[in-house]
């Protein structure tokens, strides 16, 4: 036990005296958390802009009013030529054109609107679905008032436009769990900040593979074997030093998140973070057995960490990526780290909900560590 503690303390002193490690462990996660946490705090800003094009007729005015009633967009009235220019320059999401002689089109069962768009962005998809809903409503209402002619049809959108909007009360699942939107927002910020901490933790600990490679190459491990330390004590000494280093980073980041965002964490914070760090350490030890040089270790760790963080939802929410990438994320450890930290931030204590991240990270830890210890023991 004394040998393990001695190795842990020695490795911690060696790693913490390097300025580059200090920057990677503490400075960079704080900087990234401030930047991207602020984005999460803003929550989007002003609604996106869209344009309406309509001729000067009574029905045209009422139909354009139905579109402009949507509060999710900032609406402008422009000529069709100016609207096309704004769409081409990507200054607006799209332009909604009320077709000339809309009553004749409605009588023929055709859409009274035409959309000018540049590319199918997320905002455009939302807008197009809304326009389709308006078209269907107008066509159905026309069947009801068909006998009254154009004057009767004008009264349908007129009565809707004259009715004030009713504010829809919304509550997110996070807000329901945390008893308030403010607490839910803080939980979201905290999880995103922790995501970048995970990334830099993996950079630091996977980078230690190069250090271990050099020490084995320079026969440092072999010299340690001449002391009272056994092979298992050496292995667990290195694992312990990396694990303590990871916890040191997380402790600093948790304190920073509490000071800046006022966020608190749930009951299972300590055990889940301990498991998460252990999984990263196990991966780093396995990486040691796969490399043949220091440069290879640095390149391989960078490629693996960056690509898996991208796929695992560390950089951005997975809701905005294609379904295929969401399915790939299910086999990425960072995805389950983020899921588990989200559960901790929401203070979920029901194991029927939160068991998956714990189980999957435990499996990854066991597999990586088993491969690492078997290969390292064969090389002794």
Protein backbone atom coordinates (compact mmCIF):
# COMPACT_ATOMS: atom_id res chain seq x y z
CA UNK A 1 0.00 0.00 0.00
CA UNK A 2 2.86 2.37 0.84
CA UNK A 3 4.41 1.76 -2.58
CA UNK A 4 1.13 2.60 -4.33
CA UNK A 5 0.75 5.85 -2.38
CA UNK A 6 4.37 6.77 -3.08
CA UNK A 7 3.88 6.27 -6.85
CA UNK A 8 0.65 8.28 -6.76
CA UNK A 9 2.30 11.24 -5.02
CA UNK A 10 5.36 11.09 -7.26
CA UNK A 11 3.32 11.04 -10.48
CA UNK A 12 1.07 13.89 -9.28
CA UNK A 13 4.11 16.07 -8.52
CA UNK A 14 5.59 15.30 -11.92
CA UNK A 15 2.42 16.13 -13.82
CA UNK A 16 1.38 19.23 -11.88
CA UNK A 17 4.76 20.90 -12.20
CA UNK A 18 4.30 21.10 -15.99
CA UNK A 19 2.67 24.43 -17.01
CA UNK A 20 1.15 22.81 -20.09
CA UNK A 21 -0.70 20.30 -17.91
CA UNK A 22 -2.01 23.09 -15.67
CA UNK A 23 -3.37 24.92 -18.73
CA UNK A 24 -4.94 21.77 -20.15
CA UNK A 25 -6.42 20.66 -16.84
CA UNK A 26 -7.79 23.92 -15.45
CA UNK A 27 -7.41 26.99 -17.67
CA UNK A 28 -8.82 25.63 -20.95
CA UNK A 29 -11.93 23.96 -19.42
CA UNK A 30 -12.76 27.19 -17.58
CA UNK A 31 -12.33 29.31 -20.73
CA UNK A 32 -14.45 26.98 -22.87
CA UNK A 33 -17.09 26.70 -20.15
CA UNK A 34 -17.37 30.48 -19.95
CA UNK A 35 -17.72 30.81 -23.72
CA UNK A 36 -20.16 28.00 -24.43
CA UNK A 37 -21.96 28.27 -21.10
CA UNK A 38 -22.78 31.86 -22.02
CA UNK A 39 -24.30 30.62 -25.28
CA UNK A 40 -26.53 28.26 -23.32
CA UNK A 41 -27.47 31.14 -21.02
CA UNK A 42 -28.56 33.40 -23.87
CA UNK A 43 -31.05 30.82 -25.13
CA UNK A 44 -31.15 32.07 -28.72
CA UNK A 45 -31.78 35.88 -28.72
CA UNK A 46 -34.27 37.51 -31.11
CA UNK A 47 -36.59 35.42 -33.32
CA UNK A 48 -35.32 34.74 -36.85
CA UNK A 49 -36.47 37.11 -39.60
CA UNK A 50 -38.87 36.23 -42.42
CA UNK A 51 -40.53 38.23 -45.18
CA UNK A 52 -44.14 38.50 -46.38
CA UNK A 53 -45.02 39.55 -49.93
CA UNK A 54 -48.68 40.47 -50.56
CA UNK A 55 -50.65 42.53 -53.06
CA UNK A 56 -52.95 45.35 -52.01
CA UNK A 57 -56.25 43.49 -51.75
CA UNK A 58 -58.51 42.72 -48.80
CA UNK A 59 -58.12 38.93 -48.89
CA UNK A 60 -54.38 39.26 -49.51
CA UNK A 61 -54.07 41.43 -46.41
CA UNK A 62 -56.01 39.01 -44.23
CA UNK A 63 -54.04 35.99 -45.51
CA UNK A 64 -50.74 37.74 -44.84
CA UNK A 65 -52.02 38.60 -41.36
CA UNK A 66 -52.47 34.90 -40.60
CA UNK A 67 -48.79 34.37 -41.34
CA UNK A 68 -47.59 37.45 -39.46
CA UNK A 69 -49.49 36.29 -36.38
CA UNK A 70 -46.78 33.67 -35.71
CA UNK A 71 -44.64 35.15 -32.88
CA UNK A 72 -41.74 32.73 -33.52
CA UNK A 73 -40.48 34.97 -36.34
CA UNK A 74 -39.85 38.65 -36.90
CA UNK A 75 -41.89 39.62 -39.97
CA UNK A 76 -41.19 42.24 -42.63
CA UNK A 77 -43.32 43.26 -45.62
CA UNK A 78 -41.31 43.63 -48.85
CA UNK A 79 -41.74 43.51 -52.60
CA UNK A 80 -41.05 40.16 -54.22
CA UNK A 81 -37.85 41.41 -55.82
CA UNK A 82 -36.50 42.69 -52.51
CA UNK A 83 -37.63 39.47 -50.80
CA UNK A 84 -35.65 37.35 -53.27
CA UNK A 85 -32.57 39.47 -52.60
CA UNK A 86 -32.88 39.07 -48.84
CA UNK A 87 -33.34 35.29 -49.17
CA UNK A 88 -30.37 35.00 -51.53
CA UNK A 89 -28.18 36.93 -49.07
CA UNK A 90 -29.43 34.70 -46.21
CA UNK A 91 -30.67 37.70 -44.27
CA UNK A 92 -34.06 36.05 -43.75
CA UNK A 93 -35.21 32.46 -43.29
CA UNK A 94 -37.64 32.58 -46.23
CA UNK A 95 -40.20 34.75 -47.98
CA UNK A 96 -43.91 33.88 -47.89
CA UNK A 97 -45.69 35.17 -51.00
CA UNK A 98 -49.46 35.55 -51.06
CA UNK A 99 -50.33 34.54 -54.62
CA UNK A 100 -52.13 37.05 -56.86
CA UNK A 101 -55.89 36.42 -57.00
CA UNK A 102 -55.82 34.08 -53.98
CA UNK A 103 -59.58 33.49 -53.99
CA UNK A 104 -59.44 31.77 -57.40
CA UNK A 105 -56.64 29.52 -56.18
CA UNK A 106 -58.54 28.60 -53.01
CA UNK A 107 -61.65 27.81 -55.08
CA UNK A 108 -59.53 25.43 -57.18
CA UNK A 109 -58.19 23.75 -54.01
CA UNK A 110 -54.70 25.19 -54.48
CA UNK A 111 -52.43 26.86 -51.93
CA UNK A 112 -52.80 30.65 -51.71
CA UNK A 113 -49.15 30.94 -50.60
CA UNK A 114 -45.78 30.39 -52.26
CA UNK A 115 -42.48 30.09 -50.39
CA UNK A 116 -39.13 31.46 -51.53
CA UNK A 117 -36.25 29.77 -49.68
CA UNK A 118 -32.50 29.34 -49.94
CA UNK A 119 -31.81 26.12 -48.05
CA UNK A 120 -33.85 23.89 -45.71
CA UNK A 121 -32.52 25.16 -42.38
CA UNK A 122 -34.05 24.16 -39.06
CA UNK A 123 -35.91 27.49 -38.86
CA UNK A 124 -37.23 27.04 -42.40
CA UNK A 125 -38.58 23.57 -41.57
CA UNK A 126 -40.50 25.04 -38.62
CA UNK A 127 -41.82 27.87 -40.81
CA UNK A 128 -42.87 25.58 -43.66
CA UNK A 129 -44.83 23.33 -41.30
CA UNK A 130 -46.65 26.39 -39.97
CA UNK A 131 -47.51 27.61 -43.48
CA UNK A 132 -48.83 24.16 -44.42
CA UNK A 133 -51.09 24.26 -41.38
CA UNK A 134 -52.45 27.68 -42.38
CA UNK A 135 -53.10 26.47 -45.95
CA UNK A 136 -55.03 23.42 -44.74
CA UNK A 137 -57.08 25.56 -42.36
CA UNK A 138 -57.97 28.09 -45.07
CA UNK A 139 -58.98 25.37 -47.55
CA UNK A 140 -61.16 23.62 -44.97
CA UNK A 141 -62.83 26.87 -43.89
CA UNK A 142 -63.52 27.70 -47.53
CA UNK A 143 -65.60 24.54 -47.83
CA UNK A 144 -67.71 25.77 -44.91
CA UNK A 145 -68.33 29.26 -46.35
CA UNK A 146 -68.20 28.36 -50.08
CA UNK A 147 -71.75 29.63 -50.73
CA UNK A 148 -70.99 33.09 -49.32
CA UNK A 149 -68.32 33.84 -51.93
CA UNK A 150 -65.11 35.83 -51.44
CA UNK A 151 -66.72 38.20 -48.92
CA UNK A 152 -67.55 35.27 -46.66
CA UNK A 153 -64.07 33.80 -46.98
CA UNK A 154 -62.46 37.12 -46.02
CA UNK A 155 -64.30 37.02 -42.70
CA UNK A 156 -62.57 33.76 -41.69
CA UNK A 157 -58.98 35.08 -41.49
CA UNK A 158 -60.31 38.49 -40.38
CA UNK A 159 -61.92 37.01 -37.27
CA UNK A 160 -58.76 35.01 -36.48
CA UNK A 161 -56.53 38.07 -36.92
CA UNK A 162 -58.80 40.10 -34.66
CA UNK A 163 -58.44 37.56 -31.85
CA UNK A 164 -55.47 38.27 -29.54
CA UNK A 165 -52.86 35.55 -29.12
CA UNK A 166 -53.12 33.40 -26.03
CA UNK A 167 -49.79 32.77 -24.35
CA UNK A 168 -49.00 29.08 -24.08
CA UNK A 169 -47.62 28.07 -20.71
CA UNK A 170 -44.62 25.80 -21.22
CA UNK A 171 -42.61 23.77 -18.76
CA UNK A 172 -39.65 21.61 -19.68
CA UNK A 173 -39.10 18.20 -18.13
CA UNK A 174 -35.97 19.57 -16.46
CA UNK A 175 -37.97 22.42 -14.95
CA UNK A 176 -40.57 19.93 -13.69
CA UNK A 177 -37.88 17.89 -11.95
CA UNK A 178 -36.05 20.90 -10.51
CA UNK A 179 -39.18 22.92 -9.64
CA UNK A 180 -38.33 25.90 -11.84
CA UNK A 181 -37.05 27.04 -15.25
CA UNK A 182 -34.15 28.90 -13.68
CA UNK A 183 -32.85 25.75 -12.04
CA UNK A 184 -33.34 23.83 -15.32
CA UNK A 185 -31.31 26.46 -17.19
CA UNK A 186 -28.53 26.21 -14.62
CA UNK A 187 -28.54 22.41 -14.95
CA UNK A 188 -28.19 22.73 -18.74
CA UNK A 189 -25.29 25.17 -18.38
CA UNK A 190 -23.58 22.93 -15.84
CA UNK A 191 -23.85 19.85 -18.04
CA UNK A 192 -22.42 21.71 -21.06
CA UNK A 193 -19.55 23.06 -18.96
CA UNK A 194 -18.82 19.58 -17.63
CA UNK A 195 -18.77 18.32 -21.22
CA UNK A 196 -15.71 20.42 -21.99
CA UNK A 197 -14.15 19.31 -18.72
CA UNK A 198 -14.57 15.71 -19.91
CA UNK A 199 -12.90 16.57 -23.21
CA UNK A 200 -9.84 18.17 -21.61
CA UNK A 201 -9.67 15.41 -19.01
CA UNK A 202 -9.46 12.87 -21.83
CA UNK A 203 -6.84 14.96 -23.59
CA UNK A 204 -4.69 15.09 -20.45
CA UNK A 205 -5.04 11.48 -19.37
CA UNK A 206 -4.78 9.97 -22.84
CA UNK A 207 -1.71 12.15 -23.32
CA UNK A 208 -0.14 10.41 -20.35
CA UNK A 209 0.08 7.32 -22.54
CA UNK A 210 3.09 8.97 -24.16
CA UNK A 211 4.62 9.54 -20.72
CA UNK A 212 4.17 5.91 -19.70
CA UNK A 213 5.57 4.78 -23.05
CA UNK A 214 8.73 6.83 -22.48
CA UNK A 215 9.13 5.54 -18.92
CA UNK A 216 8.82 1.95 -20.11
CA UNK A 217 11.19 2.63 -22.98
CA UNK A 218 13.72 4.22 -20.59
CA UNK A 219 13.37 1.23 -18.25
CA UNK A 220 11.84 3.28 -15.42
CA UNK A 221 9.27 0.56 -14.80
CA UNK A 222 11.98 -2.07 -14.81
CA UNK A 223 13.93 -0.11 -12.18
CA UNK A 224 10.79 0.17 -10.08
CA UNK A 225 10.57 -3.63 -10.16
CA UNK A 226 13.92 -3.78 -8.37
CA UNK A 227 12.33 -2.00 -5.39
CA UNK A 228 9.79 -3.48 -3.00
CA UNK A 229 6.97 -2.52 -5.41
CA UNK A 230 5.30 -5.37 -7.26
CA UNK A 231 3.98 -5.16 -10.82
CA UNK A 232 0.37 -4.79 -9.61
CA UNK A 233 1.41 -2.02 -7.21
CA UNK A 234 3.10 -0.13 -10.06
CA UNK A 235 0.01 -0.49 -12.24
CA UNK A 236 -2.38 0.63 -9.53
CA UNK A 237 -0.04 3.41 -8.50
CA UNK A 238 -0.24 4.89 -12.00
CA UNK A 239 -3.99 4.29 -12.21
CA UNK A 240 -4.45 5.93 -8.82
CA UNK A 241 -2.37 8.98 -9.76
CA UNK A 242 -4.36 9.54 -12.94
CA UNK A 243 -7.64 9.04 -11.07
CA UNK A 244 -6.68 11.58 -8.37
CA UNK A 245 -5.55 14.01 -11.06
CA UNK A 246 -8.92 13.67 -12.79
CA UNK A 247 -10.77 14.29 -9.54
CA UNK A 248 -8.62 17.32 -8.85
CA UNK A 249 -9.66 18.79 -12.19
CA UNK A 250 -13.33 18.01 -11.60
CA UNK A 251 -13.27 19.49 -8.11
CA UNK A 252 -11.90 22.77 -9.48
CA UNK A 253 -14.49 22.81 -12.29
CA UNK A 254 -17.39 22.00 -9.94
CA UNK A 255 -16.33 24.88 -7.69
CA UNK A 256 -16.06 27.17 -10.73
CA UNK A 257 -19.51 26.14 -12.00
CA UNK A 258 -21.02 26.76 -8.58
CA UNK A 259 -19.46 30.23 -8.33
CA UNK A 260 -20.29 31.34 -11.89
CA UNK A 261 -23.66 29.65 -12.54
CA UNK A 262 -24.85 28.93 -9.02
CA UNK A 263 -25.48 25.30 -9.98
CA UNK A 264 -25.79 22.49 -7.50
CA UNK A 265 -25.49 18.76 -8.08
CA UNK A 266 -27.46 15.71 -7.09
CA UNK A 267 -26.93 12.89 -4.65
CA UNK A 268 -24.87 10.66 -6.97
CA UNK A 269 -22.29 13.22 -8.06
CA UNK A 270 -19.26 11.70 -6.29
CA UNK A 271 -19.80 8.03 -7.26
CA UNK A 272 -20.68 8.83 -10.89
CA UNK A 273 -17.73 11.19 -11.40
CA UNK A 274 -15.48 8.58 -9.80
CA UNK A 275 -16.74 5.96 -12.27
CA UNK A 276 -16.40 8.35 -15.18
CA UNK A 277 -12.80 9.26 -14.34
CA UNK A 278 -11.94 5.61 -13.80
CA UNK A 279 -13.26 4.81 -17.26
CA UNK A 280 -11.05 7.51 -18.82
CA UNK A 281 -8.05 6.20 -16.86
CA UNK A 282 -8.75 2.64 -18.03
CA UNK A 283 -8.93 3.86 -21.62
CA UNK A 284 -5.60 5.69 -21.21
CA UNK A 285 -3.94 2.57 -19.83
CA UNK A 286 -5.26 0.54 -22.75
CA UNK A 287 -3.92 3.16 -25.15
CA UNK A 288 -0.45 2.56 -23.71
CA UNK A 289 -0.54 -1.00 -25.02
CA UNK A 290 -1.49 0.08 -28.57
CA UNK A 291 1.21 2.66 -29.32
CA UNK A 292 4.72 2.20 -30.65
CA UNK A 293 6.09 5.73 -30.19
CA UNK A 294 5.45 9.00 -28.35
CA UNK A 295 4.32 10.78 -31.53
CA UNK A 296 1.93 7.97 -32.30
CA UNK A 297 0.46 8.29 -28.82
CA UNK A 298 -0.10 12.03 -29.19
CA UNK A 299 -1.64 11.70 -32.66
CA UNK A 300 -3.83 8.73 -31.77
CA UNK A 301 -5.14 10.29 -28.56
CA UNK A 302 -6.01 13.54 -30.34
CA UNK A 303 -7.88 11.75 -33.14
CA UNK A 304 -9.80 9.50 -30.77
CA UNK A 305 -10.71 12.21 -28.26
CA UNK A 306 -11.83 14.83 -30.80
CA UNK A 307 -13.84 12.41 -32.95
CA UNK A 308 -15.58 10.69 -30.05
CA UNK A 309 -16.38 14.01 -28.37
CA UNK A 310 -17.97 15.19 -31.61
CA UNK A 311 -20.00 12.01 -31.95
CA UNK A 312 -20.84 11.83 -28.24
CA UNK A 313 -22.52 15.24 -27.97
CA UNK A 314 -19.84 17.11 -26.03
CA UNK A 315 -19.60 20.00 -28.49
CA UNK A 316 -23.29 20.36 -29.38
CA UNK A 317 -26.66 18.79 -28.49
CA UNK A 318 -27.32 15.56 -30.39
CA UNK A 319 -30.86 16.71 -31.16
CA UNK A 320 -29.54 18.75 -34.09
CA UNK A 321 -27.57 15.96 -35.78
CA UNK A 322 -28.92 13.29 -38.20
CA UNK A 323 -30.49 10.09 -36.88
CA UNK A 324 -27.50 8.02 -37.99
CA UNK A 325 -25.12 10.08 -35.83
CA UNK A 326 -27.52 9.78 -32.90
CA UNK A 327 -27.40 6.00 -33.23
CA UNK A 328 -23.59 6.02 -33.45
CA UNK A 329 -23.49 8.10 -30.25
CA UNK A 330 -25.01 5.18 -28.32
CA UNK A 331 -21.66 3.34 -28.48
CA UNK A 332 -19.55 6.39 -27.55
CA UNK A 333 -18.50 6.66 -23.86
CA UNK A 334 -18.77 10.47 -23.84
CA UNK A 335 -22.45 10.21 -24.73
CA UNK A 336 -23.12 8.18 -21.60
CA UNK A 337 -20.92 10.48 -19.53
CA UNK A 338 -23.05 13.42 -20.63
CA UNK A 339 -26.26 11.47 -19.99
CA UNK A 340 -25.12 10.50 -16.53
CA UNK A 341 -24.01 14.03 -15.63
CA UNK A 342 -27.36 15.34 -16.87
CA UNK A 343 -29.12 12.88 -14.54
CA UNK A 344 -26.90 14.02 -11.68
CA UNK A 345 -27.59 17.70 -12.46
CA UNK A 346 -31.34 16.97 -12.44
CA UNK A 347 -30.93 15.07 -9.16
CA UNK A 348 -32.57 11.94 -10.58
CA UNK A 349 -32.39 9.14 -8.03
CA UNK A 350 -34.64 6.56 -9.69
CA UNK A 351 -32.37 3.70 -10.80
CA UNK A 352 -34.97 2.54 -13.35
CA UNK A 353 -34.18 5.78 -15.23
CA UNK A 354 -30.47 6.29 -14.55
CA UNK A 355 -29.00 2.77 -14.75
CA UNK A 356 -27.77 2.81 -18.36
CA UNK A 357 -24.85 5.28 -18.04
CA UNK A 358 -23.59 3.47 -14.94
CA UNK A 359 -23.75 0.04 -16.56
CA UNK A 360 -22.21 1.03 -19.90
CA UNK A 361 -19.34 3.03 -18.38
CA UNK A 362 -18.64 0.13 -16.01
CA UNK A 363 -18.47 -2.28 -18.96
CA UNK A 364 -16.11 0.04 -20.85
CA UNK A 365 -13.92 0.40 -17.74
CA UNK A 366 -13.66 -3.34 -17.20
CA UNK A 367 -12.92 -4.09 -20.85
CA UNK A 368 -10.26 -1.39 -21.23
CA UNK A 369 -8.55 -2.22 -17.94
CA UNK A 370 -8.59 -5.96 -18.65
CA UNK A 371 -6.93 -5.45 -22.03
CA UNK A 372 -4.37 -3.06 -20.53
CA UNK A 373 -3.35 -5.27 -17.59
CA UNK A 374 -3.13 -8.45 -19.68
CA UNK A 375 -0.92 -6.86 -22.32
CA UNK A 376 1.27 -5.03 -19.82
CA UNK A 377 1.74 -8.17 -17.72
CA UNK A 378 2.78 -10.18 -20.81
CA UNK A 379 5.44 -7.61 -21.64
CA UNK A 380 7.07 -7.84 -18.19
